[in-house]
């Protein structure tokens, strides 16, 4: 989601401050010696202290900046931006609301509020703010894609498509939005439209691996698993660091009863991320299908150790142990 905008403190400036804490701090302190009421210098000193983790001291400078220029919404917007970067969304919202009160028809403030509300799970508030931002500036493409993304996550696919279409009209080369629209069409079972979107996105950005991945998932949904496998393999060739792609490909191999291939890719996923419980469970299940319950239990155990509070994993682990014990006893009895 789009984060709060800024005028005094741009992202590049924040990065500069991060690289040169002490030097930057001295520079602005010198400015304040000769010009103690320089709002930008006051705000920048507060920013540096904030980024250094000295939040209480930073708040003193933020308070001073507000007192020096109480009617300047940019002061509040910049402070909100910092809290957003730190993941402190409730405080972000407090400062943004003050900025909004000072600049009521500023679409950037509503978009920033929407982003913060979204981060704390207040979806309706986020949608309302994005709609307000869009009403104030219907030509801002990011607002449209962001609200479309929210609708997509809410499974309101028809609404998502409407906003993706508007966004793509403004920027026909936005291949990420085109892929997302393809996902919305796929969820609506309109696979022809979905495939058109993925093809269009790939014509714009042929190395965008997520387009191949999403295209493959859509192909899988409509039963075209062979084509899906090719698309997954292409995605992996472009980005070999995404364990989810390996798991998706392995799952497809399981669907086709290609268990050895599936095991290979589950293991590759685990090599990328040794804490991915889904990979361990899926690998255990595949080994169990092949009759290798002993090794399956080892992977279930690892998954359970990673998520000891997960009752479903615990149940799978316990049932596998019971089944293995039962089969072992039966085998011994038959041998006797």
C-alpha atoms as a PDB file:
ATOM      1  CA  UNK A   1       0.000   0.000   0.000  1.00  0.00           C
ATOM      2  CA  UNK A   2       1.068   3.532  -0.619  1.00  0.00           C
ATOM      3  CA  UNK A   3       2.711   5.125   2.375  1.00  0.00           C
ATOM      4  CA  UNK A   4       2.329   8.726   3.571  1.00  0.00           C
ATOM      5  CA  UNK A   5       3.815  11.312   1.285  1.00  0.00           C
ATOM      6  CA  UNK A   6       6.401  13.862   2.338  1.00  0.00           C
ATOM      7  CA  UNK A   7       7.684  17.238   1.290  1.00  0.00           C
ATOM      8  CA  UNK A   8      10.431  18.152   3.759  1.00  0.00           C
ATOM      9  CA  UNK A   9      11.690  14.631   4.276  1.00  0.00           C
ATOM     10  CA  UNK A  10      11.801  12.573   1.114  1.00  0.00           C
ATOM     11  CA  UNK A  11      12.824   8.916   1.135  1.00  0.00           C
ATOM     12  CA  UNK A  12      16.226   9.777  -0.367  1.00  0.00           C
ATOM     13  CA  UNK A  13      16.790  12.304   2.388  1.00  0.00           C
ATOM     14  CA  UNK A  14      15.897   9.766   5.068  1.00  0.00           C
ATOM     15  CA  UNK A  15      18.441   7.355   3.586  1.00  0.00           C
ATOM     16  CA  UNK A  16      21.078  10.095   3.657  1.00  0.00           C
ATOM     17  CA  UNK A  17      20.308  10.815   7.293  1.00  0.00           C
ATOM     18  CA  UNK A  18      20.568   7.133   8.117  1.00  0.00           C
ATOM     19  CA  UNK A  19      24.001   6.893   6.538  1.00  0.00           C
ATOM     20  CA  UNK A  20      25.369   9.992   8.254  1.00  0.00           C
ATOM     21  CA  UNK A  21      23.667  10.321  11.643  1.00  0.00           C
ATOM     22  CA  UNK A  22      26.275  12.374  13.455  1.00  0.00           C
ATOM     23  CA  UNK A  23      27.315  14.522  10.496  1.00  0.00           C
ATOM     24  CA  UNK A  24      23.697  15.339   9.640  1.00  0.00           C
ATOM     25  CA  UNK A  25      22.858  16.043  13.268  1.00  0.00           C
ATOM     26  CA  UNK A  26      25.746  18.505  13.567  1.00  0.00           C
ATOM     27  CA  UNK A  27      24.737  20.232  10.344  1.00  0.00           C
ATOM     28  CA  UNK A  28      21.187  20.911  11.480  1.00  0.00           C
ATOM     29  CA  UNK A  29      22.239  21.831  15.014  1.00  0.00           C
ATOM     30  CA  UNK A  30      24.523  24.471  13.508  1.00  0.00           C
ATOM     31  CA  UNK A  31      21.613  25.818  11.498  1.00  0.00           C
ATOM     32  CA  UNK A  32      19.522  26.044  14.665  1.00  0.00           C
ATOM     33  CA  UNK A  33      22.231  28.018  16.459  1.00  0.00           C
ATOM     34  CA  UNK A  34      21.851  30.854  13.998  1.00  0.00           C
ATOM     35  CA  UNK A  35      18.197  30.247  13.169  1.00  0.00           C
ATOM     36  CA  UNK A  36      16.480  28.504  16.121  1.00  0.00           C
ATOM     37  CA  UNK A  37      13.075  28.804  14.510  1.00  0.00           C
ATOM     38  CA  UNK A  38      13.990  27.051  11.275  1.00  0.00           C
ATOM     39  CA  UNK A  39      11.135  24.561  11.038  1.00  0.00           C
ATOM     40  CA  UNK A  40      12.825  22.242   8.572  1.00  0.00           C
ATOM     41  CA  UNK A  41      16.003  22.043  10.682  1.00  0.00           C
ATOM     42  CA  UNK A  42      13.975  21.371  13.823  1.00  0.00           C
ATOM     43  CA  UNK A  43      12.043  18.635  12.055  1.00  0.00           C
ATOM     44  CA  UNK A  44      15.221  17.095  10.633  1.00  0.00           C
ATOM     45  CA  UNK A  45      16.904  16.961  14.036  1.00  0.00           C
ATOM     46  CA  UNK A  46      13.794  15.234  15.372  1.00  0.00           C
ATOM     47  CA  UNK A  47      13.926  12.845  12.441  1.00  0.00           C
ATOM     48  CA  UNK A  48      17.560  11.914  13.067  1.00  0.00           C
ATOM     49  CA  UNK A  49      16.895  11.295  16.747  1.00  0.00           C
ATOM     50  CA  UNK A  50      13.833   9.251  15.862  1.00  0.00           C
ATOM     51  CA  UNK A  51      15.778   7.109  13.401  1.00  0.00           C
ATOM     52  CA  UNK A  52      18.467   6.587  16.045  1.00  0.00           C
ATOM     53  CA  UNK A  53      15.813   5.192  18.372  1.00  0.00           C
ATOM     54  CA  UNK A  54      15.705   8.233  20.670  1.00  0.00           C
ATOM     55  CA  UNK A  55      11.977   8.645  20.295  1.00  0.00           C
ATOM     56  CA  UNK A  56      11.346  10.740  23.423  1.00  0.00           C
ATOM     57  CA  UNK A  57      13.956  13.321  22.426  1.00  0.00           C
ATOM     58  CA  UNK A  58      12.611  13.287  18.892  1.00  0.00           C
ATOM     59  CA  UNK A  59       9.110  14.056  20.145  1.00  0.00           C
ATOM     60  CA  UNK A  60      10.437  17.236  21.781  1.00  0.00           C
ATOM     61  CA  UNK A  61      11.613  18.489  18.398  1.00  0.00           C
ATOM     62  CA  UNK A  62       8.384  17.393  16.733  1.00  0.00           C
ATOM     63  CA  UNK A  63       6.478  19.352  19.357  1.00  0.00           C
ATOM     64  CA  UNK A  64       8.647  22.402  18.707  1.00  0.00           C
ATOM     65  CA  UNK A  65       8.073  22.123  14.940  1.00  0.00           C
ATOM     66  CA  UNK A  66       4.324  21.989  15.527  1.00  0.00           C
ATOM     67  CA  UNK A  67       4.480  25.031  17.810  1.00  0.00           C
ATOM     68  CA  UNK A  68       6.579  27.006  15.314  1.00  0.00           C
ATOM     69  CA  UNK A  69       4.245  26.300  12.404  1.00  0.00           C
ATOM     70  CA  UNK A  70       0.949  24.958  13.786  1.00  0.00           C
ATOM     71  CA  UNK A  71      -0.943  25.548  10.568  1.00  0.00           C
ATOM     72  CA  UNK A  72       1.458  23.660   8.313  1.00  0.00           C
ATOM     73  CA  UNK A  73       0.032  20.242   7.505  1.00  0.00           C
ATOM     74  CA  UNK A  74       3.413  19.147   6.081  1.00  0.00           C
ATOM     75  CA  UNK A  75       4.886  19.084   9.573  1.00  0.00           C
ATOM     76  CA  UNK A  76       2.328  16.485  10.639  1.00  0.00           C
ATOM     77  CA  UNK A  77       2.597  14.612   7.366  1.00  0.00           C
ATOM     78  CA  UNK A  78       6.354  14.243   7.722  1.00  0.00           C
ATOM     79  CA  UNK A  79       6.088  13.024  11.303  1.00  0.00           C
ATOM     80  CA  UNK A  80       3.385  10.568  10.228  1.00  0.00           C
ATOM     81  CA  UNK A  81       5.711   9.292   7.524  1.00  0.00           C
ATOM     82  CA  UNK A  82       8.341   8.435  10.120  1.00  0.00           C
ATOM     83  CA  UNK A  83       5.904   6.550  12.328  1.00  0.00           C
ATOM     84  CA  UNK A  84       4.613   4.679   9.292  1.00  0.00           C
ATOM     85  CA  UNK A  85       8.180   3.610   8.432  1.00  0.00           C
ATOM     86  CA  UNK A  86       8.582   2.291  11.984  1.00  0.00           C
ATOM     87  CA  UNK A  87       5.327   0.353  11.808  1.00  0.00           C
ATOM     88  CA  UNK A  88       3.635   2.493  14.462  1.00  0.00           C
ATOM     89  CA  UNK A  89       0.388   2.895  12.622  1.00  0.00           C
ATOM     90  CA  UNK A  90      -1.822   4.175  15.421  1.00  0.00           C
ATOM     91  CA  UNK A  91       0.472   7.175  15.901  1.00  0.00           C
ATOM     92  CA  UNK A  92       0.688   7.547  12.124  1.00  0.00           C
ATOM     93  CA  UNK A  93      -3.084   7.919  12.016  1.00  0.00           C
ATOM     94  CA  UNK A  94      -3.119  10.504  14.822  1.00  0.00           C
ATOM     95  CA  UNK A  95      -0.686  12.755  12.955  1.00  0.00           C
ATOM     96  CA  UNK A  96      -2.411  12.197   9.629  1.00  0.00           C
ATOM     97  CA  UNK A  97      -5.768  13.196  11.057  1.00  0.00           C
ATOM     98  CA  UNK A  98      -4.226  16.469  12.226  1.00  0.00           C
ATOM     99  CA  UNK A  99      -2.721  16.975   8.765  1.00  0.00           C
ATOM    100  CA  UNK A 100      -6.136  16.252   7.239  1.00  0.00           C
ATOM    101  CA  UNK A 101      -7.784  18.856   9.496  1.00  0.00           C
ATOM    102  CA  UNK A 102      -5.312  21.434   8.174  1.00  0.00           C
ATOM    103  CA  UNK A 103      -5.557  20.380   4.519  1.00  0.00           C
ATOM    104  CA  UNK A 104      -8.942  18.771   4.126  1.00  0.00           C
ATOM    105  CA  UNK A 105      -8.919  18.405   0.345  1.00  0.00           C
ATOM    106  CA  UNK A 106      -5.433  16.887   0.032  1.00  0.00           C
ATOM    107  CA  UNK A 107      -5.734  13.434  -1.586  1.00  0.00           C
ATOM    108  CA  UNK A 108      -2.252  12.367  -0.447  1.00  0.00           C
ATOM    109  CA  UNK A 109      -3.340  12.568   3.173  1.00  0.00           C
ATOM    110  CA  UNK A 110      -6.357  10.339   2.551  1.00  0.00           C
ATOM    111  CA  UNK A 111      -4.186   7.839   0.667  1.00  0.00           C
ATOM    112  CA  UNK A 112      -1.735   7.858   3.572  1.00  0.00           C
ATOM    113  CA  UNK A 113      -4.580   7.297   6.045  1.00  0.00           C
ATOM    114  CA  UNK A 114      -5.838   4.445   3.886  1.00  0.00           C
ATOM    115  CA  UNK A 115      -2.410   2.777   3.969  1.00  0.00           C
ATOM    116  CA  UNK A 116      -2.178   3.092   7.744  1.00  0.00           C
ATOM    117  CA  UNK A 117      -5.736   1.841   8.324  1.00  0.00           C
ATOM    118  CA  UNK A 118      -5.031  -1.110   6.058  1.00  0.00           C
ATOM    119  CA  UNK A 119      -1.960  -2.065   8.084  1.00  0.00           C
ATOM    120  CA  UNK A 120      -4.004  -2.360  11.283  1.00  0.00           C
ATOM    121  CA  UNK A 121      -6.768  -4.358   9.637  1.00  0.00           C
ATOM    122  CA  UNK A 122      -9.346  -1.564   9.375  1.00  0.00           C
ATOM    123  CA  UNK A 123     -10.314  -2.407   5.812  1.00  0.00           C
ATOM    124  CA  UNK A 124     -13.516  -0.385   5.571  1.00  0.00           C
ATOM    125  CA  UNK A 125     -11.755   2.749   6.806  1.00  0.00           C
ATOM    126  CA  UNK A 126      -8.980   2.124   4.273  1.00  0.00           C
ATOM    127  CA  UNK A 127     -11.486   1.768   1.441  1.00  0.00           C
ATOM    128  CA  UNK A 128     -13.306   4.934   2.468  1.00  0.00           C
ATOM    129  CA  UNK A 129     -10.068   6.900   2.514  1.00  0.00           C
ATOM    130  CA  UNK A 130      -8.940   5.572  -0.867  1.00  0.00           C
ATOM    131  CA  UNK A 131     -12.330   6.408  -2.343  1.00  0.00           C
ATOM    132  CA  UNK A 132     -11.981   9.942  -0.973  1.00  0.00           C
ATOM    133  CA  UNK A 133      -8.468  10.211  -2.430  1.00  0.00           C
ATOM    134  CA  UNK A 134      -9.704   8.970  -5.811  1.00  0.00           C
ATOM    135  CA  UNK A 135     -12.571  11.455  -5.783  1.00  0.00           C
ATOM    136  CA  UNK A 136     -10.083  14.269  -5.139  1.00  0.00           C
ATOM    137  CA  UNK A 137      -7.569  13.016  -7.690  1.00  0.00           C
ATOM    138  CA  UNK A 138      -9.000  10.432 -10.113  1.00  0.00           C
ATOM    139  CA  UNK A 139      -5.823  10.545 -12.226  1.00  0.00           C
ATOM    140  CA  UNK A 140      -3.562   9.101  -9.505  1.00  0.00           C
ATOM    141  CA  UNK A 141      -2.939   5.559 -10.677  1.00  0.00           C
ATOM    142  CA  UNK A 142      -1.551   4.282  -7.365  1.00  0.00           C
ATOM    143  CA  UNK A 143      -4.818   4.995  -5.573  1.00  0.00           C
ATOM    144  CA  UNK A 144      -6.689   2.842  -8.057  1.00  0.00           C
ATOM    145  CA  UNK A 145      -4.288  -0.101  -7.874  1.00  0.00           C
ATOM    146  CA  UNK A 146      -4.209   0.021  -4.093  1.00  0.00           C
ATOM    147  CA  UNK A 147      -7.972  -0.050  -3.710  1.00  0.00           C
ATOM    148  CA  UNK A 148      -8.169  -2.798  -6.344  1.00  0.00           C
ATOM    149  CA  UNK A 149      -5.633  -4.837  -4.347  1.00  0.00           C
ATOM    150  CA  UNK A 150      -7.783  -4.520  -1.238  1.00  0.00           C
ATOM    151  CA  UNK A 151     -10.889  -5.674  -3.086  1.00  0.00           C
ATOM    152  CA  UNK A 152      -8.919  -8.606  -4.506  1.00  0.00           C
ATOM    153  CA  UNK A 153      -7.860  -9.661  -0.997  1.00  0.00           C
ATOM    154  CA  UNK A 154     -11.488  -9.327   0.130  1.00  0.00           C
ATOM    155  CA  UNK A 155     -12.544 -11.689  -2.697  1.00  0.00           C
ATOM    156  CA  UNK A 156     -14.631  -8.930  -4.236  1.00  0.00           C
ATOM    157  CA  UNK A 157     -13.207  -9.718  -7.643  1.00  0.00           C
ATOM    158  CA  UNK A 158     -15.677  -7.811  -9.795  1.00  0.00           C
ATOM    159  CA  UNK A 159     -14.916  -4.579  -7.942  1.00  0.00           C
ATOM    160  CA  UNK A 160     -11.201  -5.326  -8.152  1.00  0.00           C
ATOM    161  CA  UNK A 161     -11.418  -5.696 -11.937  1.00  0.00           C
ATOM    162  CA  UNK A 162     -13.192  -2.346 -12.264  1.00  0.00           C
ATOM    163  CA  UNK A 163     -10.421  -0.505 -10.444  1.00  0.00           C
ATOM    164  CA  UNK A 164      -7.599  -2.417 -12.166  1.00  0.00           C
ATOM    165  CA  UNK A 165      -9.098  -1.484 -15.516  1.00  0.00           C
ATOM    166  CA  UNK A 166      -9.175   2.190 -14.543  1.00  0.00           C
ATOM    167  CA  UNK A 167      -5.591   1.991 -13.276  1.00  0.00           C
ATOM    168  CA  UNK A 168      -4.365   0.322 -16.452  1.00  0.00           C
ATOM    169  CA  UNK A 169      -6.099   2.946 -18.579  1.00  0.00           C
ATOM    170  CA  UNK A 170      -3.921   5.517 -16.826  1.00  0.00           C
ATOM    171  CA  UNK A 171      -0.769   3.411 -17.173  1.00  0.00           C
ATOM    172  CA  UNK A 172      -1.073   0.709 -19.856  1.00  0.00           C
ATOM    173  CA  UNK A 173       2.490  -0.474 -19.089  1.00  0.00           C
ATOM    174  CA  UNK A 174       1.819  -1.329 -15.450  1.00  0.00           C
ATOM    175  CA  UNK A 175       2.435  -5.058 -15.846  1.00  0.00           C
ATOM    176  CA  UNK A 176       2.018  -5.737 -12.116  1.00  0.00           C
ATOM    177  CA  UNK A 177      -1.509  -4.316 -12.154  1.00  0.00           C
ATOM    178  CA  UNK A 178      -2.231  -6.321 -15.305  1.00  0.00           C
ATOM    179  CA  UNK A 179      -1.117  -9.533 -13.550  1.00  0.00           C
ATOM    180  CA  UNK A 180      -3.314  -8.692 -10.573  1.00  0.00           C
ATOM    181  CA  UNK A 181      -6.264  -8.150 -12.875  1.00  0.00           C
ATOM    182  CA  UNK A 182      -5.501 -11.547 -14.382  1.00  0.00           C
ATOM    183  CA  UNK A 183      -5.672 -13.039 -10.888  1.00  0.00           C
ATOM    184  CA  UNK A 184      -9.049 -11.412 -10.337  1.00  0.00           C
ATOM    185  CA  UNK A 185     -10.370 -12.849 -13.608  1.00  0.00           C
ATOM    186  CA  UNK A 186      -8.962 -16.256 -12.693  1.00  0.00           C
ATOM    187  CA  UNK A 187     -10.805 -16.191  -9.367  1.00  0.00           C
ATOM    188  CA  UNK A 188     -13.947 -15.382 -11.338  1.00  0.00           C
ATOM    189  CA  UNK A 189     -13.290 -18.495 -13.486  1.00  0.00           C
ATOM    190  CA  UNK A 190     -12.893 -16.251 -16.545  1.00  0.00           C
ATOM    191  CA  UNK A 191      -9.719 -17.979 -17.616  1.00  0.00           C
ATOM    192  CA  UNK A 192      -9.599 -16.646 -21.171  1.00  0.00           C
ATOM    193  CA  UNK A 193      -9.542 -13.089 -19.832  1.00  0.00           C
ATOM    194  CA  UNK A 194      -6.989 -14.090 -17.201  1.00  0.00           C
ATOM    195  CA  UNK A 195      -4.688 -15.636 -19.808  1.00  0.00           C
ATOM    196  CA  UNK A 196      -4.942 -12.484 -21.920  1.00  0.00           C
ATOM    197  CA  UNK A 197      -3.798 -10.435 -18.935  1.00  0.00           C
ATOM    198  CA  UNK A 198      -0.802 -12.655 -18.213  1.00  0.00           C
ATOM    199  CA  UNK A 199       0.237 -12.679 -21.863  1.00  0.00           C
ATOM    200  CA  UNK A 200      -0.039  -8.907 -22.014  1.00  0.00           C
ATOM    201  CA  UNK A 201       1.995  -8.493 -18.830  1.00  0.00           C
ATOM    202  CA  UNK A 202       4.713 -10.789 -20.156  1.00  0.00           C
ATOM    203  CA  UNK A 203       4.838  -8.910 -23.440  1.00  0.00           C
ATOM    204  CA  UNK A 204       5.660  -5.807 -21.406  1.00  0.00           C
ATOM    205  CA  UNK A 205       7.995  -7.470 -18.909  1.00  0.00           C
ATOM    206  CA  UNK A 206       9.095 -10.932 -20.113  1.00  0.00           C
ATOM    207  CA  UNK A 207      11.323 -11.507 -17.070  1.00  0.00           C
ATOM    208  CA  UNK A 208       8.680 -10.844 -14.423  1.00  0.00           C
ATOM    209  CA  UNK A 209       8.662 -14.225 -12.697  1.00  0.00           C
ATOM    210  CA  UNK A 210       5.443 -13.656 -10.753  1.00  0.00           C
ATOM    211  CA  UNK A 211       3.550 -13.369 -14.023  1.00  0.00           C
ATOM    212  CA  UNK A 212       4.652 -16.905 -14.945  1.00  0.00           C
ATOM    213  CA  UNK A 213       3.773 -18.135 -11.471  1.00  0.00           C
ATOM    214  CA  UNK A 214       0.283 -16.610 -11.513  1.00  0.00           C
ATOM    215  CA  UNK A 215      -0.228 -17.776 -15.094  1.00  0.00           C
ATOM    216  CA  UNK A 216       0.679 -21.298 -14.010  1.00  0.00           C
ATOM    217  CA  UNK A 217      -1.719 -21.226 -11.075  1.00  0.00           C
ATOM    218  CA  UNK A 218      -4.517 -20.122 -13.386  1.00  0.00           C
ATOM    219  CA  UNK A 219      -3.626 -22.918 -15.796  1.00  0.00           C
ATOM    220  CA  UNK A 220      -3.718 -25.396 -12.908  1.00  0.00           C
ATOM    221  CA  UNK A 221      -7.159 -24.159 -11.859  1.00  0.00           C
ATOM    222  CA  UNK A 222      -8.601 -25.016 -15.254  1.00  0.00           C
ATOM    223  CA  UNK A 223      -6.857 -28.391 -15.439  1.00  0.00           C
ATOM    224  CA  UNK A 224      -4.002 -27.535 -17.784  1.00  0.00           C
ATOM    225  CA  UNK A 225      -1.351 -28.926 -15.457  1.00  0.00           C
ATOM    226  CA  UNK A 226       1.300 -29.704 -18.067  1.00  0.00           C
ATOM    227  CA  UNK A 227       1.330 -26.093 -19.213  1.00  0.00           C
ATOM    228  CA  UNK A 228       1.248 -24.985 -15.596  1.00  0.00           C
ATOM    229  CA  UNK A 229       4.392 -26.996 -14.814  1.00  0.00           C
ATOM    230  CA  UNK A 230       6.240 -25.333 -17.690  1.00  0.00           C
ATOM    231  CA  UNK A 231       5.228 -21.912 -16.419  1.00  0.00           C
ATOM    232  CA  UNK A 232       6.297 -22.730 -12.851  1.00  0.00           C
ATOM    233  CA  UNK A 233       9.662 -23.956 -14.095  1.00  0.00           C
ATOM    234  CA  UNK A 234      10.097 -20.728 -16.061  1.00  0.00           C
ATOM    235  CA  UNK A 235       9.261 -18.716 -12.933  1.00  0.00           C
ATOM    236  CA  UNK A 236      11.845 -20.667 -10.936  1.00  0.00           C
ATOM    237  CA  UNK A 237      14.469 -20.159 -13.636  1.00  0.00           C
ATOM    238  CA  UNK A 238      13.956 -16.404 -13.272  1.00  0.00           C
ATOM    239  CA  UNK A 239      13.869 -16.411  -9.465  1.00  0.00           C
ATOM    240  CA  UNK A 240      15.293 -19.442  -7.701  1.00  0.00           C
ATOM    241  CA  UNK A 241      14.939 -17.883  -4.256  1.00  0.00           C
ATOM    242  CA  UNK A 242      11.174 -18.079  -3.793  1.00  0.00           C
ATOM    243  CA  UNK A 243      10.397 -21.304  -1.928  1.00  0.00           C
ATOM    244  CA  UNK A 244       6.676 -20.848  -2.563  1.00  0.00           C
ATOM    245  CA  UNK A 245       7.237 -21.395  -6.283  1.00  0.00           C
ATOM    246  CA  UNK A 246       8.989 -24.693  -5.548  1.00  0.00           C
ATOM    247  CA  UNK A 247       6.140 -25.796  -3.271  1.00  0.00           C
ATOM    248  CA  UNK A 248       3.505 -24.898  -5.870  1.00  0.00           C
ATOM    249  CA  UNK A 249       5.392 -26.851  -8.525  1.00  0.00           C
ATOM    250  CA  UNK A 250       5.823 -29.811  -6.168  1.00  0.00           C
ATOM    251  CA  UNK A 251       2.099 -29.771  -5.357  1.00  0.00           C
ATOM    252  CA  UNK A 252       1.339 -29.954  -9.069  1.00  0.00           C
ATOM    253  CA  UNK A 253       3.657 -32.933  -9.459  1.00  0.00           C
ATOM    254  CA  UNK A 254       1.743 -34.646  -6.627  1.00  0.00           C
ATOM    255  CA  UNK A 255      -1.518 -34.025  -8.502  1.00  0.00           C
ATOM    256  CA  UNK A 256      -0.012 -35.863 -11.476  1.00  0.00           C
ATOM    257  CA  UNK A 257       1.314 -38.656  -9.219  1.00  0.00           C
ATOM    258  CA  UNK A 258       4.924 -37.687  -9.981  1.00  0.00           C
ATOM    259  CA  UNK A 259       5.981 -38.200  -6.382  1.00  0.00           C
ATOM    260  CA  UNK A 260       9.740 -38.363  -6.843  1.00  0.00           C
ATOM    261  CA  UNK A 261       9.739 -35.040  -8.672  1.00  0.00           C
ATOM    262  CA  UNK A 262       7.534 -33.550  -5.964  1.00  0.00           C
ATOM    263  CA  UNK A 263       9.898 -34.728  -3.229  1.00  0.00           C
ATOM    264  CA  UNK A 264      12.820 -33.142  -5.073  1.00  0.00           C
ATOM    265  CA  UNK A 265      11.140 -29.745  -5.204  1.00  0.00           C
ATOM    266  CA  UNK A 266       9.855 -29.846  -1.617  1.00  0.00           C
ATOM    267  CA  UNK A 267      13.442 -30.475  -0.534  1.00  0.00           C
ATOM    268  CA  UNK A 268      14.593 -27.535  -2.638  1.00  0.00           C
ATOM    269  CA  UNK A 269      11.999 -25.336  -0.953  1.00  0.00           C
ATOM    270  CA  UNK A 270      13.265 -26.431   2.455  1.00  0.00           C
ATOM    271  CA  UNK A 271      16.836 -25.701   1.396  1.00  0.00           C
ATOM    272  CA  UNK A 272      15.759 -22.126   0.628  1.00  0.00           C
ATOM    273  CA  UNK A 273      13.764 -21.744   3.831  1.00  0.00           C
ATOM    274  CA  UNK A 274      14.362 -24.336   6.522  1.00  0.00           C
ATOM    275  CA  UNK A 275      11.495 -22.903   8.601  1.00  0.00           C
ATOM    276  CA  UNK A 276       8.721 -23.358   6.065  1.00  0.00           C
ATOM    277  CA  UNK A 277       6.345 -25.706   7.870  1.00  0.00           C
ATOM    278  CA  UNK A 278       4.134 -26.109   4.806  1.00  0.00           C
ATOM    279  CA  UNK A 279       7.034 -27.655   2.896  1.00  0.00           C
ATOM    280  CA  UNK A 280       7.739 -30.162   5.671  1.00  0.00           C
ATOM    281  CA  UNK A 281       4.082 -31.187   5.939  1.00  0.00           C
ATOM    282  CA  UNK A 282       3.703 -31.530   2.172  1.00  0.00           C
ATOM    283  CA  UNK A 283       6.930 -33.516   1.941  1.00  0.00           C
ATOM    284  CA  UNK A 284       5.776 -35.756   4.788  1.00  0.00           C
ATOM    285  CA  UNK A 285       2.451 -36.344   3.078  1.00  0.00           C
ATOM    286  CA  UNK A 286       4.162 -37.277  -0.186  1.00  0.00           C
ATOM    287  CA  UNK A 287       6.530 -39.677   1.540  1.00  0.00           C
ATOM    288  CA  UNK A 288       3.552 -41.231   3.337  1.00  0.00           C
ATOM    289  CA  UNK A 289       1.790 -41.752   0.003  1.00  0.00           C
ATOM    290  CA  UNK A 290       4.895 -43.567  -1.213  1.00  0.00           C
ATOM    291  CA  UNK A 291       4.759 -45.783   1.885  1.00  0.00           C
ATOM    292  CA  UNK A 292       7.771 -44.219   3.601  1.00  0.00           C
ATOM    293  CA  UNK A 293       6.025 -43.390   6.849  1.00  0.00           C
ATOM    294  CA  UNK A 294       9.216 -43.413   8.907  1.00  0.00           C
ATOM    295  CA  UNK A 295      10.767 -40.495   6.982  1.00  0.00           C
ATOM    296  CA  UNK A 296       7.378 -38.800   6.788  1.00  0.00           C
ATOM    297  CA  UNK A 297       7.255 -38.722  10.592  1.00  0.00           C
ATOM    298  CA  UNK A 298      10.652 -37.006  10.688  1.00  0.00           C
ATOM    299  CA  UNK A 299       9.294 -34.157   8.565  1.00  0.00           C
ATOM    300  CA  UNK A 300       6.060 -33.936  10.540  1.00  0.00           C
ATOM    301  CA  UNK A 301       8.154 -33.721  13.699  1.00  0.00           C
ATOM    302  CA  UNK A 302      10.200 -30.855  12.273  1.00  0.00           C
ATOM    303  CA  UNK A 303       7.026 -28.998  11.295  1.00  0.00           C
ATOM    304  CA  UNK A 304       5.617 -29.536  14.788  1.00  0.00           C
ATOM    305  CA  UNK A 305       8.825 -28.287  16.395  1.00  0.00           C
ATOM    306  CA  UNK A 306       8.585 -25.146  14.274  1.00  0.00           C
ATOM    307  CA  UNK A 307       4.941 -24.590  15.219  1.00  0.00           C
ATOM    308  CA  UNK A 308       4.331 -26.375  18.548  1.00  0.00           C
ATOM    309  CA  UNK A 309       1.046 -24.513  19.080  1.00  0.00           C
ATOM    310  CA  UNK A 310      -0.390 -25.606  15.739  1.00  0.00           C
ATOM    311  CA  UNK A 311      -2.978 -28.235  16.671  1.00  0.00           C
ATOM    312  CA  UNK A 312      -3.489 -29.427  13.090  1.00  0.00           C
ATOM    313  CA  UNK A 313       0.211 -30.169  12.661  1.00  0.00           C
ATOM    314  CA  UNK A 314       0.285 -31.845  16.059  1.00  0.00           C
ATOM    315  CA  UNK A 315      -2.637 -34.071  15.093  1.00  0.00           C
ATOM    316  CA  UNK A 316      -1.001 -35.091  11.784  1.00  0.00           C
ATOM    317  CA  UNK A 317       2.212 -35.903  13.656  1.00  0.00           C
ATOM    318  CA  UNK A 318       0.423 -37.988  16.316  1.00  0.00           C
ATOM    319  CA  UNK A 319      -1.667 -39.896  13.781  1.00  0.00           C
ATOM    320  CA  UNK A 320       1.434 -40.709  11.727  1.00  0.00           C
ATOM    321  CA  UNK A 321       3.212 -42.047  14.811  1.00  0.00           C
ATOM    322  CA  UNK A 322       0.206 -44.185  15.715  1.00  0.00           C
ATOM    323  CA  UNK A 323      -0.050 -45.533  12.173  1.00  0.00           C
ATOM    324  CA  UNK A 324       3.665 -46.304  12.062  1.00  0.00           C
ATOM    325  CA  UNK A 325       3.541 -48.032  15.444  1.00  0.00           C
ATOM    326  CA  UNK A 326       0.507 -50.052  14.393  1.00  0.00           C
ATOM    327  CA  UNK A 327       2.090 -51.120  11.105  1.00  0.00           C
ATOM    328  CA  UNK A 328       5.332 -52.051  12.873  1.00  0.00           C
ATOM    329  CA  UNK A 329       3.524 -54.206  15.435  1.00  0.00           C
ATOM    330  CA  UNK A 330       1.534 -55.864  12.656  1.00  0.00           C
ATOM    331  CA  UNK A 331       4.709 -56.609  10.718  1.00  0.00           C
ATOM    332  CA  UNK A 332       6.385 -58.134  13.781  1.00  0.00           C
ATOM    333  CA  UNK A 333       3.299 -60.217  14.512  1.00  0.00           C
ATOM    334  CA  UNK A 334       3.159 -61.508  10.948  1.00  0.00           C
ATOM    335  CA  UNK A 335       6.858 -62.413  11.059  1.00  0.00           C
ATOM    336  CA  UNK A 336       6.352 -64.344  14.285  1.00  0.00           C
END
